[in-house]
Amino acid sequence: MFVIPENLAPETYPMAWLVGTWRGYGVLGYPGIDDAAVICDLEISSDEQLPYLTVRSRWTIANEHPDEIDKELPGAPGVAQLSPDRVWAEATGYLRQSSEKEGDLEAMMATPDGRVSLYIGQINGPRMQLVSDAMIRCATGAEVSAAAIQVGLVESDMLFAYDMAAFGESMRSYCAGRLSRVQDEASESASQAAPEAEDVADADAREKAGEAQAKDED
Protein backbone atom coordinates (compact mmCIF):
# COMPACT_ATOMS: atom_id res chain seq x y z
CA MET A 1 0.00 0.00 0.00
CA PHE A 2 1.34 3.42 -0.97
CA VAL A 3 1.71 5.95 1.84
CA ILE A 4 2.12 9.67 1.14
CA PRO A 5 5.66 10.64 2.24
CA GLU A 6 6.00 12.99 5.17
CA ASN A 7 6.71 16.72 4.80
CA LEU A 8 5.14 17.08 1.36
CA ALA A 9 3.54 20.38 0.46
CA PRO A 10 -0.17 20.05 -0.37
CA GLU A 11 0.56 21.33 -3.89
CA THR A 12 2.57 18.17 -4.56
CA TYR A 13 0.03 15.63 -3.26
CA PRO A 14 -1.15 14.60 -6.77
CA MET A 15 2.50 13.74 -7.55
CA ALA A 16 3.21 12.00 -4.26
CA TRP A 17 3.42 8.54 -5.84
CA LEU A 18 6.41 9.71 -7.87
CA VAL A 19 8.50 10.62 -4.82
CA GLY A 20 11.32 8.22 -4.05
CA THR A 21 14.41 6.57 -5.48
CA TRP A 22 13.81 4.35 -8.50
CA ARG A 23 16.05 1.97 -10.42
CA GLY A 24 15.35 -0.18 -13.43
CA TYR A 25 16.10 -0.78 -17.07
CA GLY A 26 15.03 0.25 -20.52
CA VAL A 27 15.78 -0.01 -24.22
CA LEU A 28 16.64 2.95 -26.40
CA GLY A 29 17.05 3.39 -30.11
CA TYR A 30 16.64 6.14 -32.71
CA PRO A 31 17.71 6.82 -36.29
CA GLY A 32 21.46 7.25 -36.09
CA ILE A 33 21.60 5.77 -32.56
CA ASP A 34 22.20 2.05 -32.14
CA ASP A 35 19.72 0.07 -30.06
CA ALA A 36 20.99 -0.34 -26.51
CA ALA A 37 19.89 -1.61 -23.11
CA VAL A 38 20.13 1.07 -20.43
CA ILE A 39 20.27 1.13 -16.64
CA CYS A 40 17.88 3.82 -15.41
CA ASP A 41 18.34 5.64 -12.10
CA LEU A 42 15.79 8.21 -11.01
CA GLU A 43 15.44 10.24 -7.82
CA ILE A 44 12.39 12.42 -7.19
CA SER A 45 12.40 14.33 -3.94
CA SER A 46 10.78 17.17 -2.03
CA ASP A 47 12.47 19.21 0.70
CA GLU A 48 11.05 21.38 3.47
CA GLN A 49 7.48 21.32 2.15
CA LEU A 50 8.41 23.29 -0.98
CA PRO A 51 5.65 23.32 -3.63
CA TYR A 52 7.62 21.40 -6.24
CA LEU A 53 9.55 18.17 -6.73
CA THR A 54 13.23 17.92 -7.66
CA VAL A 55 14.06 15.37 -10.38
CA ARG A 56 17.44 13.77 -11.08
CA SER A 57 17.86 11.14 -13.77
CA ARG A 58 20.72 9.11 -15.21
CA TRP A 59 20.80 6.56 -18.02
CA THR A 60 23.79 4.25 -18.27
CA ILE A 61 24.43 2.14 -21.36
CA ALA A 62 24.70 -1.55 -20.45
CA ASN A 63 27.20 -4.03 -21.82
CA GLU A 64 24.37 -6.37 -22.76
CA HIS A 65 22.49 -6.01 -26.07
CA PRO A 66 18.68 -5.65 -25.87
CA ASP A 67 18.26 -8.99 -27.64
CA GLU A 68 20.12 -10.69 -24.80
CA ILE A 69 17.80 -9.63 -21.98
CA ASP A 70 14.30 -10.48 -20.79
CA LYS A 71 12.21 -7.35 -21.39
CA GLU A 72 9.15 -8.66 -19.53
CA LEU A 73 10.71 -8.57 -16.06
CA PRO A 74 9.84 -5.99 -13.37
CA GLY A 75 12.34 -3.22 -12.81
CA ALA A 76 14.43 -4.74 -10.01
CA PRO A 77 15.10 -8.18 -11.51
CA GLY A 78 15.30 -6.62 -14.96
CA VAL A 79 18.16 -4.28 -14.08
CA ALA A 80 19.94 -7.16 -12.32
CA GLN A 81 20.53 -8.62 -15.81
CA LEU A 82 22.68 -5.65 -16.78
CA SER A 83 26.21 -4.45 -16.13
CA PRO A 84 27.17 -0.78 -16.66
CA ASP A 85 29.33 0.35 -19.56
CA ARG A 86 29.18 4.16 -19.76
CA VAL A 87 26.90 7.02 -18.77
CA TRP A 88 24.66 7.98 -21.69
CA ALA A 89 22.44 10.78 -20.41
CA GLU A 90 21.72 12.83 -17.31
CA ALA A 91 19.03 15.37 -16.47
CA THR A 92 18.15 17.57 -13.53
CA GLY A 93 15.01 19.62 -13.11
CA TYR A 94 11.80 20.48 -11.32
CA LEU A 95 8.20 19.38 -11.51
CA ARG A 96 5.29 21.36 -10.10
CA GLN A 97 1.54 21.60 -10.26
CA SER A 98 0.10 24.63 -12.04
CA SER A 99 -1.32 27.28 -9.74
CA GLU A 100 -4.23 27.75 -12.15
CA LYS A 101 -5.69 24.24 -12.34
CA GLU A 102 -5.31 21.13 -10.19
CA GLY A 103 -3.74 18.28 -12.11
CA ASP A 104 -2.01 20.50 -14.67
CA LEU A 105 1.76 20.23 -14.51
CA GLU A 106 4.74 22.33 -15.45
CA ALA A 107 8.29 21.01 -15.61
CA MET A 108 11.79 22.14 -16.48
CA MET A 109 14.69 19.79 -17.26
CA ALA A 110 18.31 20.68 -17.99
CA THR A 111 20.83 18.31 -19.55
CA PRO A 112 24.63 18.55 -19.80
CA ASP A 113 24.49 18.32 -23.61
CA GLY A 114 23.44 21.98 -23.64
CA ARG A 115 19.63 21.84 -23.50
CA VAL A 116 16.84 23.15 -21.32
CA SER A 117 13.36 21.70 -21.91
CA LEU A 118 10.10 23.18 -20.64
CA TYR A 119 7.12 20.81 -20.38
CA ILE A 120 3.42 21.10 -19.70
CA GLY A 121 1.08 18.21 -19.00
CA GLN A 122 -1.38 16.50 -16.71
CA ILE A 123 -1.36 14.01 -13.88
CA ASN A 124 -4.39 11.82 -13.29
CA GLY A 125 -4.04 9.31 -10.49
CA PRO A 126 -1.07 7.03 -11.24
CA ARG A 127 -0.58 8.40 -14.76
CA MET A 128 1.39 11.42 -15.95
CA GLN A 129 1.85 12.89 -19.41
CA LEU A 130 4.20 15.72 -20.36
CA VAL A 131 4.80 17.38 -23.74
CA SER A 132 7.46 19.93 -24.55
CA ASP A 133 6.36 23.55 -24.58
CA ALA A 134 9.77 25.03 -25.41
CA MET A 135 13.15 23.51 -26.25
CA ILE A 136 16.17 25.73 -25.74
CA ARG A 137 19.74 24.79 -26.62
CA CYS A 138 23.12 26.43 -26.70
CA ALA A 139 25.07 26.77 -29.96
CA THR A 140 26.54 23.28 -29.69
CA GLY A 141 23.58 21.64 -27.93
CA ALA A 142 21.87 18.51 -29.27
CA GLU A 143 19.25 19.28 -31.91
CA VAL A 144 16.09 18.11 -30.13
CA SER A 145 13.02 20.05 -31.28
CA ALA A 146 10.23 18.33 -29.31
CA ALA A 147 9.70 15.60 -26.73
CA ALA A 148 6.91 13.77 -24.91
CA ILE A 149 7.03 11.71 -21.72
CA GLN A 150 4.45 9.23 -20.44
CA VAL A 151 4.72 7.70 -16.98
CA GLY A 152 2.45 5.22 -15.23
CA LEU A 153 2.41 3.15 -12.06
CA VAL A 154 1.77 -0.52 -12.84
CA GLU A 155 2.06 -3.26 -10.20
CA SER A 156 4.13 -0.87 -8.03
CA ASP A 157 6.62 -0.29 -10.87
CA MET A 158 7.09 2.93 -12.80
CA LEU A 159 6.73 2.44 -16.55
CA PHE A 160 7.89 5.23 -18.83
CA ALA A 161 8.05 6.06 -22.52
CA TYR A 162 10.10 8.92 -23.95
CA ASP A 163 9.46 10.11 -27.51
CA MET A 164 11.33 12.86 -29.29
CA ALA A 165 11.78 14.73 -32.56
CA ALA A 166 15.49 15.26 -33.12
CA PHE A 167 18.18 15.53 -35.77
CA GLY A 168 15.61 16.26 -38.47
CA GLU A 169 13.43 13.24 -37.59
CA SER A 170 9.73 13.42 -36.75
CA MET A 171 8.40 12.50 -33.29
CA ARG A 172 9.05 8.85 -32.57
CA SER A 173 9.98 6.49 -29.76
CA TYR A 174 13.40 7.00 -28.24
CA CYS A 175 13.41 5.05 -24.97
CA ALA A 176 11.02 3.01 -22.83
CA GLY A 177 11.59 1.16 -19.61
CA ARG A 178 10.46 -0.04 -16.21
CA LEU A 179 11.74 0.99 -12.78
CA SER A 180 11.18 -0.38 -9.28
CA ARG A 181 11.17 1.70 -6.14
CA VAL A 182 14.41 1.27 -4.18
CA GLN A 183 13.68 0.15 -0.64
CA ASP A 184 15.21 2.49 1.91
CA GLU A 185 17.81 0.49 3.83
CA ALA A 186 16.82 2.03 7.16
CA SER A 187 13.16 1.29 6.55
CA GLU A 188 13.98 -2.23 5.43
CA SER A 189 16.08 -2.85 8.56
CA ALA A 190 13.32 -1.42 10.71
CA SER A 191 10.70 -3.61 9.08
CA GLN A 192 12.88 -6.69 9.56
CA ALA A 193 13.61 -5.76 13.18
CA ALA A 194 9.96 -5.07 14.02
CA PRO A 195 8.83 -8.75 14.16
CA GLU A 196 11.89 -9.61 16.26
CA ALA A 197 11.10 -6.77 18.67
CA GLU A 198 7.51 -7.96 18.91
CA ASP A 199 8.71 -11.50 19.72
CA VAL A 200 10.97 -10.16 22.48
CA ALA A 201 8.17 -8.00 23.85
CA ASP A 202 5.79 -10.98 23.85
CA ALA A 203 8.36 -13.12 25.66
CA ASP A 204 8.91 -10.39 28.27
CA ALA A 205 5.17 -10.03 28.75
CA ARG A 206 4.73 -13.77 29.22
CA GLU A 207 7.60 -13.88 31.70
CA LYS A 208 6.17 -11.00 33.73
CA ALA A 209 2.72 -12.58 33.66
CA GLY A 210 4.21 -15.82 34.94
CA GLU A 211 6.01 -13.99 37.77
CA ALA A 212 2.80 -12.22 38.75
CA GLN A 213 0.87 -15.46 38.76
CA ALA A 214 3.54 -17.11 40.94
CA LYS A 215 3.31 -14.26 43.47
CA ASP A 216 -0.47 -14.57 43.58
CA GLU A 217 -0.20 -18.30 44.27
CA ASP A 218 2.27 -17.60 47.10
C-alpha atoms as a PDB file:
ATOM      1  CA  MET A   1       0.000   0.000   0.000  1.00  0.00           C
ATOM      2  CA  PHE A   2       1.338   3.417  -0.968  1.00  0.00           C
ATOM      3  CA  VAL A   3       1.708   5.946   1.839  1.00  0.00           C
ATOM      4  CA  ILE A   4       2.123   9.668   1.145  1.00  0.00           C
ATOM      5  CA  PRO A   5       5.661  10.642   2.239  1.00  0.00           C
ATOM      6  CA  GLU A   6       6.001  12.991   5.166  1.00  0.00           C
ATOM      7  CA  ASN A   7       6.709  16.720   4.797  1.00  0.00           C
ATOM      8  CA  LEU A   8       5.142  17.078   1.355  1.00  0.00           C
ATOM      9  CA  ALA A   9       3.544  20.384   0.455  1.00  0.00           C
ATOM     10  CA  PRO A  10      -0.173  20.054  -0.367  1.00  0.00           C
ATOM     11  CA  GLU A  11       0.564  21.333  -3.886  1.00  0.00           C
ATOM     12  CA  THR A  12       2.574  18.167  -4.558  1.00  0.00           C
ATOM     13  CA  TYR A  13       0.025  15.635  -3.260  1.00  0.00           C
ATOM     14  CA  PRO A  14      -1.147  14.599  -6.768  1.00  0.00           C
ATOM     15  CA  MET A  15       2.496  13.744  -7.551  1.00  0.00           C
ATOM     16  CA  ALA A  16       3.213  11.998  -4.259  1.00  0.00           C
ATOM     17  CA  TRP A  17       3.423   8.539  -5.835  1.00  0.00           C
ATOM     18  CA  LEU A  18       6.409   9.714  -7.873  1.00  0.00           C
ATOM     19  CA  VAL A  19       8.501  10.616  -4.822  1.00  0.00           C
ATOM     20  CA  GLY A  20      11.324   8.219  -4.052  1.00  0.00           C
ATOM     21  CA  THR A  21      14.413   6.566  -5.479  1.00  0.00           C
ATOM     22  CA  TRP A  22      13.811   4.346  -8.502  1.00  0.00           C
ATOM     23  CA  ARG A  23      16.047   1.968 -10.420  1.00  0.00           C
ATOM     24  CA  GLY A  24      15.351  -0.176 -13.425  1.00  0.00           C
ATOM     25  CA  TYR A  25      16.099  -0.777 -17.066  1.00  0.00           C
ATOM     26  CA  GLY A  26      15.025   0.247 -20.517  1.00  0.00           C
ATOM     27  CA  VAL A  27      15.780  -0.012 -24.215  1.00  0.00           C
ATOM     28  CA  LEU A  28      16.637   2.953 -26.402  1.00  0.00           C
ATOM     29  CA  GLY A  29      17.050   3.392 -30.114  1.00  0.00           C
ATOM     30  CA  TYR A  30      16.643   6.138 -32.708  1.00  0.00           C
ATOM     31  CA  PRO A  31      17.707   6.818 -36.292  1.00  0.00           C
ATOM     32  CA  GLY A  32      21.459   7.254 -36.089  1.00  0.00           C
ATOM     33  CA  ILE A  33      21.603   5.774 -32.560  1.00  0.00           C
ATOM     34  CA  ASP A  34      22.202   2.049 -32.137  1.00  0.00           C
ATOM     35  CA  ASP A  35      19.724   0.071 -30.060  1.00  0.00           C
ATOM     36  CA  ALA A  36      20.990  -0.344 -26.507  1.00  0.00           C
ATOM     37  CA  ALA A  37      19.889  -1.606 -23.108  1.00  0.00           C
ATOM     38  CA  VAL A  38      20.130   1.074 -20.432  1.00  0.00           C
ATOM     39  CA  ILE A  39      20.265   1.128 -16.641  1.00  0.00           C
ATOM     40  CA  CYS A  40      17.878   3.822 -15.408  1.00  0.00           C
ATOM     41  CA  ASP A  41      18.343   5.639 -12.104  1.00  0.00           C
ATOM     42  CA  LEU A  42      15.793   8.212 -11.008  1.00  0.00           C
ATOM     43  CA  GLU A  43      15.443  10.244  -7.822  1.00  0.00           C
ATOM     44  CA  ILE A  44      12.387  12.422  -7.193  1.00  0.00           C
ATOM     45  CA  SER A  45      12.397  14.331  -3.938  1.00  0.00           C
ATOM     46  CA  SER A  46      10.783  17.174  -2.026  1.00  0.00           C
ATOM     47  CA  ASP A  47      12.465  19.210   0.701  1.00  0.00           C
ATOM     48  CA  GLU A  48      11.045  21.377   3.474  1.00  0.00           C
ATOM     49  CA  GLN A  49       7.483  21.318   2.146  1.00  0.00           C
ATOM     50  CA  LEU A  50       8.406  23.287  -0.975  1.00  0.00           C
ATOM     51  CA  PRO A  51       5.648  23.321  -3.628  1.00  0.00           C
ATOM     52  CA  TYR A  52       7.616  21.403  -6.243  1.00  0.00           C
ATOM     53  CA  LEU A  53       9.554  18.173  -6.731  1.00  0.00           C
ATOM     54  CA  THR A  54      13.229  17.916  -7.657  1.00  0.00           C
ATOM     55  CA  VAL A  55      14.061  15.374 -10.377  1.00  0.00           C
ATOM     56  CA  ARG A  56      17.445  13.770 -11.076  1.00  0.00           C
ATOM     57  CA  SER A  57      17.856  11.140 -13.769  1.00  0.00           C
ATOM     58  CA  ARG A  58      20.720   9.113 -15.208  1.00  0.00           C
ATOM     59  CA  TRP A  59      20.801   6.562 -18.020  1.00  0.00           C
ATOM     60  CA  THR A  60      23.793   4.249 -18.267  1.00  0.00           C
ATOM     61  CA  ILE A  61      24.429   2.142 -21.358  1.00  0.00           C
ATOM     62  CA  ALA A  62      24.703  -1.547 -20.445  1.00  0.00           C
ATOM     63  CA  ASN A  63      27.197  -4.028 -21.825  1.00  0.00           C
ATOM     64  CA  GLU A  64      24.366  -6.374 -22.761  1.00  0.00           C
ATOM     65  CA  HIS A  65      22.490  -6.014 -26.069  1.00  0.00           C
ATOM     66  CA  PRO A  66      18.683  -5.647 -25.867  1.00  0.00           C
ATOM     67  CA  ASP A  67      18.258  -8.992 -27.641  1.00  0.00           C
ATOM     68  CA  GLU A  68      20.122 -10.691 -24.802  1.00  0.00           C
ATOM     69  CA  ILE A  69      17.796  -9.628 -21.981  1.00  0.00           C
ATOM     70  CA  ASP A  70      14.296 -10.480 -20.788  1.00  0.00           C
ATOM     71  CA  LYS A  71      12.211  -7.348 -21.391  1.00  0.00           C
ATOM     72  CA  GLU A  72       9.149  -8.662 -19.526  1.00  0.00           C
ATOM     73  CA  LEU A  73      10.709  -8.570 -16.055  1.00  0.00           C
ATOM     74  CA  PRO A  74       9.835  -5.989 -13.371  1.00  0.00           C
ATOM     75  CA  GLY A  75      12.337  -3.216 -12.809  1.00  0.00           C
ATOM     76  CA  ALA A  76      14.433  -4.737 -10.007  1.00  0.00           C
ATOM     77  CA  PRO A  77      15.103  -8.183 -11.507  1.00  0.00           C
ATOM     78  CA  GLY A  78      15.303  -6.619 -14.961  1.00  0.00           C
ATOM     79  CA  VAL A  79      18.158  -4.282 -14.078  1.00  0.00           C
ATOM     80  CA  ALA A  80      19.937  -7.158 -12.325  1.00  0.00           C
ATOM     81  CA  GLN A  81      20.529  -8.620 -15.805  1.00  0.00           C
ATOM     82  CA  LEU A  82      22.679  -5.650 -16.783  1.00  0.00           C
ATOM     83  CA  SER A  83      26.208  -4.447 -16.127  1.00  0.00           C
ATOM     84  CA  PRO A  84      27.174  -0.784 -16.664  1.00  0.00           C
ATOM     85  CA  ASP A  85      29.327   0.348 -19.565  1.00  0.00           C
ATOM     86  CA  ARG A  86      29.177   4.165 -19.756  1.00  0.00           C
ATOM     87  CA  VAL A  87      26.904   7.017 -18.767  1.00  0.00           C
ATOM     88  CA  TRP A  88      24.664   7.983 -21.687  1.00  0.00           C
ATOM     89  CA  ALA A  89      22.437  10.780 -20.412  1.00  0.00           C
ATOM     90  CA  GLU A  90      21.722  12.834 -17.307  1.00  0.00           C
ATOM     91  CA  ALA A  91      19.032  15.370 -16.467  1.00  0.00           C
ATOM     92  CA  THR A  92      18.147  17.570 -13.527  1.00  0.00           C
ATOM     93  CA  GLY A  93      15.007  19.625 -13.110  1.00  0.00           C
ATOM     94  CA  TYR A  94      11.805  20.479 -11.317  1.00  0.00           C
ATOM     95  CA  LEU A  95       8.197  19.375 -11.506  1.00  0.00           C
ATOM     96  CA  ARG A  96       5.290  21.360 -10.100  1.00  0.00           C
ATOM     97  CA  GLN A  97       1.536  21.596 -10.262  1.00  0.00           C
ATOM     98  CA  SER A  98       0.096  24.627 -12.040  1.00  0.00           C
ATOM     99  CA  SER A  99      -1.323  27.281  -9.739  1.00  0.00           C
ATOM    100  CA  GLU A 100      -4.229  27.746 -12.152  1.00  0.00           C
ATOM    101  CA  LYS A 101      -5.690  24.241 -12.342  1.00  0.00           C
ATOM    102  CA  GLU A 102      -5.308  21.134 -10.188  1.00  0.00           C
ATOM    103  CA  GLY A 103      -3.739  18.278 -12.107  1.00  0.00           C
ATOM    104  CA  ASP A 104      -2.013  20.495 -14.668  1.00  0.00           C
ATOM    105  CA  LEU A 105       1.756  20.227 -14.510  1.00  0.00           C
ATOM    106  CA  GLU A 106       4.743  22.332 -15.450  1.00  0.00           C
ATOM    107  CA  ALA A 107       8.294  21.009 -15.613  1.00  0.00           C
ATOM    108  CA  MET A 108      11.793  22.141 -16.481  1.00  0.00           C
ATOM    109  CA  MET A 109      14.690  19.786 -17.255  1.00  0.00           C
ATOM    110  CA  ALA A 110      18.315  20.681 -17.986  1.00  0.00           C
ATOM    111  CA  THR A 111      20.832  18.308 -19.554  1.00  0.00           C
ATOM    112  CA  PRO A 112      24.629  18.547 -19.802  1.00  0.00           C
ATOM    113  CA  ASP A 113      24.491  18.317 -23.605  1.00  0.00           C
ATOM    114  CA  GLY A 114      23.442  21.980 -23.636  1.00  0.00           C
ATOM    115  CA  ARG A 115      19.634  21.838 -23.503  1.00  0.00           C
ATOM    116  CA  VAL A 116      16.836  23.145 -21.322  1.00  0.00           C
ATOM    117  CA  SER A 117      13.361  21.701 -21.914  1.00  0.00           C
ATOM    118  CA  LEU A 118      10.095  23.177 -20.641  1.00  0.00           C
ATOM    119  CA  TYR A 119       7.116  20.812 -20.382  1.00  0.00           C
ATOM    120  CA  ILE A 120       3.417  21.096 -19.700  1.00  0.00           C
ATOM    121  CA  GLY A 121       1.083  18.209 -18.997  1.00  0.00           C
ATOM    122  CA  GLN A 122      -1.377  16.497 -16.708  1.00  0.00           C
ATOM    123  CA  ILE A 123      -1.358  14.012 -13.882  1.00  0.00           C
ATOM    124  CA  ASN A 124      -4.392  11.824 -13.286  1.00  0.00           C
ATOM    125  CA  GLY A 125      -4.039   9.307 -10.486  1.00  0.00           C
ATOM    126  CA  PRO A 126      -1.071   7.035 -11.235  1.00  0.00           C
ATOM    127  CA  ARG A 127      -0.577   8.396 -14.763  1.00  0.00           C
ATOM    128  CA  MET A 128       1.386  11.417 -15.948  1.00  0.00           C
ATOM    129  CA  GLN A 129       1.854  12.890 -19.407  1.00  0.00           C
ATOM    130  CA  LEU A 130       4.200  15.721 -20.361  1.00  0.00           C
ATOM    131  CA  VAL A 131       4.796  17.378 -23.739  1.00  0.00           C
ATOM    132  CA  SER A 132       7.458  19.930 -24.552  1.00  0.00           C
ATOM    133  CA  ASP A 133       6.365  23.554 -24.584  1.00  0.00           C
ATOM    134  CA  ALA A 134       9.773  25.034 -25.412  1.00  0.00           C
ATOM    135  CA  MET A 135      13.149  23.513 -26.250  1.00  0.00           C
ATOM    136  CA  ILE A 136      16.175  25.730 -25.738  1.00  0.00           C
ATOM    137  CA  ARG A 137      19.739  24.790 -26.622  1.00  0.00           C
ATOM    138  CA  CYS A 138      23.117  26.434 -26.700  1.00  0.00           C
ATOM    139  CA  ALA A 139      25.072  26.773 -29.958  1.00  0.00           C
ATOM    140  CA  THR A 140      26.537  23.277 -29.691  1.00  0.00           C
ATOM    141  CA  GLY A 141      23.577  21.639 -27.935  1.00  0.00           C
ATOM    142  CA  ALA A 142      21.874  18.510 -29.266  1.00  0.00           C
ATOM    143  CA  GLU A 143      19.248  19.285 -31.908  1.00  0.00           C
ATOM    144  CA  VAL A 144      16.093  18.110 -30.129  1.00  0.00           C
ATOM    145  CA  SER A 145      13.019  20.054 -31.277  1.00  0.00           C
ATOM    146  CA  ALA A 146      10.235  18.328 -29.313  1.00  0.00           C
ATOM    147  CA  ALA A 147       9.696  15.603 -26.731  1.00  0.00           C
ATOM    148  CA  ALA A 148       6.912  13.771 -24.912  1.00  0.00           C
ATOM    149  CA  ILE A 149       7.029  11.715 -21.717  1.00  0.00           C
ATOM    150  CA  GLN A 150       4.451   9.227 -20.445  1.00  0.00           C
ATOM    151  CA  VAL A 151       4.725   7.698 -16.984  1.00  0.00           C
ATOM    152  CA  GLY A 152       2.451   5.221 -15.227  1.00  0.00           C
ATOM    153  CA  LEU A 153       2.413   3.154 -12.058  1.00  0.00           C
ATOM    154  CA  VAL A 154       1.773  -0.520 -12.841  1.00  0.00           C
ATOM    155  CA  GLU A 155       2.059  -3.257 -10.204  1.00  0.00           C
ATOM    156  CA  SER A 156       4.131  -0.870  -8.027  1.00  0.00           C
ATOM    157  CA  ASP A 157       6.615  -0.291 -10.869  1.00  0.00           C
ATOM    158  CA  MET A 158       7.087   2.935 -12.796  1.00  0.00           C
ATOM    159  CA  LEU A 159       6.728   2.443 -16.545  1.00  0.00           C
ATOM    160  CA  PHE A 160       7.892   5.228 -18.834  1.00  0.00           C
ATOM    161  CA  ALA A 161       8.054   6.060 -22.525  1.00  0.00           C
ATOM    162  CA  TYR A 162      10.098   8.924 -23.949  1.00  0.00           C
ATOM    163  CA  ASP A 163       9.463  10.106 -27.513  1.00  0.00           C
ATOM    164  CA  MET A 164      11.333  12.865 -29.286  1.00  0.00           C
ATOM    165  CA  ALA A 165      11.781  14.730 -32.556  1.00  0.00           C
ATOM    166  CA  ALA A 166      15.492  15.265 -33.121  1.00  0.00           C
ATOM    167  CA  PHE A 167      18.182  15.529 -35.772  1.00  0.00           C
ATOM    168  CA  GLY A 168      15.611  16.257 -38.469  1.00  0.00           C
ATOM    169  CA  GLU A 169      13.432  13.242 -37.587  1.00  0.00           C
ATOM    170  CA  SER A 170       9.728  13.417 -36.746  1.00  0.00           C
ATOM    171  CA  MET A 171       8.405  12.504 -33.295  1.00  0.00           C
ATOM    172  CA  ARG A 172       9.054   8.846 -32.572  1.00  0.00           C
ATOM    173  CA  SER A 173       9.980   6.488 -29.762  1.00  0.00           C
ATOM    174  CA  TYR A 174      13.405   7.000 -28.241  1.00  0.00           C
ATOM    175  CA  CYS A 175      13.408   5.046 -24.974  1.00  0.00           C
ATOM    176  CA  ALA A 176      11.020   3.010 -22.833  1.00  0.00           C
ATOM    177  CA  GLY A 177      11.585   1.159 -19.608  1.00  0.00           C
ATOM    178  CA  ARG A 178      10.460  -0.037 -16.214  1.00  0.00           C
ATOM    179  CA  LEU A 179      11.739   0.990 -12.776  1.00  0.00           C
ATOM    180  CA  SER A 180      11.183  -0.380  -9.284  1.00  0.00           C
ATOM    181  CA  ARG A 181      11.172   1.703  -6.138  1.00  0.00           C
ATOM    182  CA  VAL A 182      14.409   1.265  -4.181  1.00  0.00           C
ATOM    183  CA  GLN A 183      13.676   0.148  -0.637  1.00  0.00           C
ATOM    184  CA  ASP A 184      15.209   2.490   1.911  1.00  0.00           C
ATOM    185  CA  GLU A 185      17.805   0.493   3.833  1.00  0.00           C
ATOM    186  CA  ALA A 186      16.818   2.026   7.163  1.00  0.00           C
ATOM    187  CA  SER A 187      13.155   1.286   6.552  1.00  0.00           C
ATOM    188  CA  GLU A 188      13.985  -2.231   5.429  1.00  0.00           C
ATOM    189  CA  SER A 189      16.077  -2.845   8.555  1.00  0.00           C
ATOM    190  CA  ALA A 190      13.317  -1.419  10.711  1.00  0.00           C
ATOM    191  CA  SER A 191      10.702  -3.612   9.076  1.00  0.00           C
ATOM    192  CA  GLN A 192      12.881  -6.694   9.556  1.00  0.00           C
ATOM    193  CA  ALA A 193      13.606  -5.763  13.177  1.00  0.00           C
ATOM    194  CA  ALA A 194       9.959  -5.069  14.017  1.00  0.00           C
ATOM    195  CA  PRO A 195       8.833  -8.746  14.158  1.00  0.00           C
ATOM    196  CA  GLU A 196      11.886  -9.612  16.264  1.00  0.00           C
ATOM    197  CA  ALA A 197      11.102  -6.775  18.671  1.00  0.00           C
ATOM    198  CA  GLU A 198       7.514  -7.964  18.906  1.00  0.00           C
ATOM    199  CA  ASP A 199       8.706 -11.499  19.716  1.00  0.00           C
ATOM    200  CA  VAL A 200      10.973 -10.162  22.476  1.00  0.00           C
ATOM    201  CA  ALA A 201       8.171  -8.004  23.850  1.00  0.00           C
ATOM    202  CA  ASP A 202       5.787 -10.979  23.851  1.00  0.00           C
ATOM    203  CA  ALA A 203       8.364 -13.116  25.664  1.00  0.00           C
ATOM    204  CA  ASP A 204       8.907 -10.394  28.267  1.00  0.00           C
ATOM    205  CA  ALA A 205       5.172 -10.026  28.746  1.00  0.00           C
ATOM    206  CA  ARG A 206       4.725 -13.774  29.219  1.00  0.00           C
ATOM    207  CA  GLU A 207       7.599 -13.881  31.698  1.00  0.00           C
ATOM    208  CA  LYS A 208       6.175 -10.999  33.730  1.00  0.00           C
ATOM    209  CA  ALA A 209       2.725 -12.585  33.662  1.00  0.00           C
ATOM    210  CA  GLY A 210       4.213 -15.816  34.937  1.00  0.00           C
ATOM    211  CA  GLU A 211       6.009 -13.995  37.768  1.00  0.00           C
ATOM    212  CA  ALA A 212       2.801 -12.217  38.748  1.00  0.00           C
ATOM    213  CA  GLN A 213       0.869 -15.460  38.757  1.00  0.00           C
ATOM    214  CA  ALA A 214       3.541 -17.105  40.938  1.00  0.00           C
ATOM    215  CA  LYS A 215       3.312 -14.264  43.466  1.00  0.00           C
ATOM    216  CA  ASP A 216      -0.467 -14.574  43.583  1.00  0.00           C
ATOM    217  CA  GLU A 217      -0.197 -18.295  44.275  1.00  0.00           C
ATOM    218  CA  ASP A 218       2.272 -17.600  47.105  1.00  0.00           C
END
